[in-house]
Protein backbone atom coordinates (compact mmCIF):
# COMPACT_ATOMS: atom_id res chain seq x y z
CA UNK A 1 -178.37 110.73 -98.05
CA UNK A 2 -174.70 110.45 -97.33
CA UNK A 3 -173.05 106.93 -98.04
CA UNK A 4 -176.07 105.48 -99.83
CA UNK A 5 -176.14 101.80 -100.48
CA UNK A 6 -177.87 99.50 -102.94
CA UNK A 7 -179.07 96.14 -101.68
CA UNK A 8 -179.34 93.35 -104.29
CA UNK A 9 -180.84 90.10 -103.46
CA UNK A 10 -180.53 86.77 -104.97
CA UNK A 11 -183.16 83.92 -104.38
CA UNK A 12 -181.32 81.06 -106.09
CA UNK A 13 -177.38 80.67 -106.99
CA UNK A 14 -175.94 82.15 -103.94
CA UNK A 15 -172.29 83.45 -104.28
CA UNK A 16 -172.69 84.29 -107.86
CA UNK A 17 -173.28 87.93 -107.70
CA UNK A 18 -169.32 88.78 -107.35
CA UNK A 19 -169.10 87.17 -110.67
CA UNK A 20 -172.17 88.59 -112.31
CA UNK A 21 -172.22 92.04 -111.40
CA UNK A 22 -168.96 93.12 -113.51
CA UNK A 23 -170.30 91.13 -116.35
CA UNK A 24 -173.68 93.16 -116.13
CA UNK A 25 -171.57 96.47 -115.85
CA UNK A 26 -169.53 95.65 -118.85
CA UNK A 27 -172.70 95.20 -120.80
CA UNK A 28 -171.81 91.44 -121.50
CA UNK A 29 -174.89 90.41 -120.03
CA UNK A 30 -178.23 92.41 -120.93
CA UNK A 31 -179.83 92.51 -117.69
CA UNK A 32 -182.59 94.79 -118.90
CA UNK A 33 -183.88 92.06 -121.44
CA UNK A 34 -184.12 89.43 -118.59
CA UNK A 35 -186.56 91.49 -116.67
CA UNK A 36 -189.83 90.39 -117.34
CA UNK A 37 -191.99 91.81 -114.74
CA UNK A 38 -191.94 94.78 -112.26
CA UNK A 39 -194.23 95.25 -109.23
CA UNK A 40 -194.46 97.88 -106.39
CA UNK A 41 -193.48 96.53 -102.79
CA UNK A 42 -197.16 96.80 -101.80
CA UNK A 43 -197.74 93.89 -104.46
CA UNK A 44 -195.20 91.65 -103.24
CA UNK A 45 -197.19 88.89 -102.68
CA UNK A 46 -198.35 88.98 -106.23
CA UNK A 47 -194.69 89.33 -107.38
CA UNK A 48 -193.54 86.15 -105.55
CA UNK A 49 -196.45 84.28 -106.99
CA UNK A 50 -195.60 85.38 -110.45
CA UNK A 51 -192.03 84.32 -110.06
CA UNK A 52 -192.82 81.14 -108.45
CA UNK A 53 -195.49 79.79 -110.62
CA UNK A 54 -193.74 81.51 -113.60
CA UNK A 55 -196.75 83.52 -114.81
CA UNK A 56 -196.78 84.86 -118.19
CA UNK A 57 -192.85 83.38 -118.68
CA UNK A 58 -191.90 85.13 -115.92
CA UNK A 59 -187.99 85.09 -115.58
CA UNK A 60 -186.73 87.99 -113.58
CA UNK A 61 -189.31 89.85 -111.40
CA UNK A 62 -188.44 93.31 -109.89
CA UNK A 63 -190.03 94.58 -106.62
CA UNK A 64 -189.44 98.23 -106.16
CA UNK A 65 -190.20 100.49 -103.11
C-alpha cells in the first residue's frame, strides 16, 4: 500500500507521455471523452481485437484489473 505506483502504457507514439500527461492534468485534453471502450483484464483478447480492428469506432480502449 505504501508507495503505490500507477502504470501507464502506450502502444503507439513512444516518448510522448511526458508531454501529454501535463496537458491531461490541466484539462486541456479531455481524456475521458477519448475513451470509447472498457474491458476487464480477463477480456484482454477482446479488448486488443476491438482496438486493432477499430470495432465500433474504437479510439481508446481501457483494460482494468
